[in-house]
Protein backbone atom coordinates (compact mmCIF):
# COMPACT_ATOMS: atom_id res chain seq x y z
CA UNK A 1 -133.16 99.77 -93.97
CA UNK A 2 -133.24 96.55 -95.93
CA UNK A 3 -135.61 95.57 -98.67
CA UNK A 4 -136.64 92.44 -100.54
CA UNK A 5 -133.58 92.81 -102.79
CA UNK A 6 -131.32 92.14 -99.79
CA UNK A 7 -132.77 88.65 -99.29
CA UNK A 8 -130.59 86.77 -101.78
CA UNK A 9 -129.48 83.93 -99.50
CA UNK A 10 -131.49 80.71 -99.13
CA UNK A 11 -131.85 79.05 -95.73
CA UNK A 12 -133.63 75.95 -94.43
CA UNK A 13 -135.26 75.73 -91.01
CA UNK A 14 -135.14 72.32 -89.30
CA UNK A 15 -136.88 71.23 -86.11
CA UNK A 16 -135.48 68.60 -83.72
CA UNK A 17 -137.16 65.22 -83.35
CA UNK A 18 -136.78 62.28 -81.00
CA UNK A 19 -138.28 58.83 -81.62
CA UNK A 20 -138.03 55.50 -79.85
CA UNK A 21 -135.60 53.05 -81.45
CA UNK A 22 -137.61 50.06 -80.19
CA UNK A 23 -134.85 48.89 -77.86
CA UNK A 24 -135.37 51.26 -74.95
CA UNK A 25 -133.37 54.15 -76.40
CA UNK A 26 -134.15 57.10 -78.61
CA UNK A 27 -132.94 58.36 -81.96
CA UNK A 28 -132.58 62.09 -82.38
CA UNK A 29 -132.17 64.17 -85.50
CA UNK A 30 -133.50 67.05 -87.56
CA UNK A 31 -136.56 67.38 -89.80
CA UNK A 32 -136.37 70.10 -92.46
CA UNK A 33 -139.63 72.05 -92.17
CA UNK A 34 -139.31 74.76 -94.83
CA UNK A 35 -136.90 76.93 -96.82
CA UNK A 36 -137.05 80.66 -97.47
CA UNK A 37 -135.00 83.63 -98.65
CA UNK A 38 -132.82 85.42 -96.09
CA UNK A 39 -130.31 88.21 -95.68
CA UNK A 40 -127.19 88.09 -93.51
CA UNK A 41 -125.86 90.94 -91.38
CA UNK A 42 -122.37 90.11 -90.10
CA UNK A 43 -121.61 91.74 -86.76
CA UNK A 44 -118.24 92.69 -85.37
CA UNK A 45 -116.35 89.57 -84.34
CA UNK A 46 -114.15 88.86 -81.34
CA UNK A 47 -111.25 86.60 -80.49
CA UNK A 48 -110.49 85.01 -77.12
CA UNK A 49 -107.79 82.72 -75.84
CA UNK A 50 -109.06 79.61 -74.03
CA UNK A 51 -106.80 76.74 -72.99
CA UNK A 52 -103.92 78.27 -74.95
CA UNK A 53 -105.96 78.24 -78.17
CA UNK A 54 -107.25 81.19 -80.13
CA UNK A 55 -111.02 81.08 -80.58
CA UNK A 56 -112.88 83.46 -82.89
CA UNK A 57 -116.58 84.26 -83.11
CA UNK A 58 -118.49 86.31 -85.66
CA UNK A 59 -122.14 86.75 -84.70
CA UNK A 60 -124.57 86.94 -87.61
CA UNK A 61 -128.12 88.30 -87.74
CA UNK A 62 -130.32 86.43 -90.22
CA UNK A 63 -133.30 88.35 -91.59
CA UNK A 64 -136.31 86.65 -93.15
CA UNK A 65 -139.78 87.81 -94.08
CA UNK A 66 -142.42 87.39 -91.39
CA UNK A 67 -144.86 84.57 -92.14
CA UNK A 68 -146.85 81.92 -90.30
CA UNK A 69 -143.93 79.52 -90.83
CA UNK A 70 -141.21 81.83 -89.50
CA UNK A 71 -143.34 82.80 -86.49
CA UNK A 72 -143.44 79.12 -85.50
CA UNK A 73 -139.64 78.75 -85.32
CA UNK A 74 -138.33 77.91 -81.84
CA UNK A 75 -134.98 78.62 -80.21
CA UNK A 76 -134.09 74.93 -80.48
CA UNK A 77 -134.41 74.88 -84.29
CA UNK A 78 -131.46 74.75 -86.68
CA UNK A 79 -130.83 77.05 -89.67
CA UNK A 80 -128.83 75.73 -92.63
CA UNK A 81 -127.40 77.81 -95.47
CA UNK A 82 -128.66 76.18 -98.69
CA UNK A 83 -126.68 78.37 -101.12
CA UNK A 84 -123.22 77.45 -99.96
């Protein structure tokens, strides 16, 4: 069980945007929507060999408090660690 004291990290949530560049193309990027406190739970990692190269992954669960802002986050949003 985690409490408010476990939320010592700071993360920013950014949504994707796409606008016309005026020349028939588009410019894409990220718009930072809000920041909040978070806690990280590092899961057991794994290593695989692909194309003769070692590749490692360490999945991480990020916990934040439920709010109207965090409920609006989509799967296409980006999370950035603001502390490090």
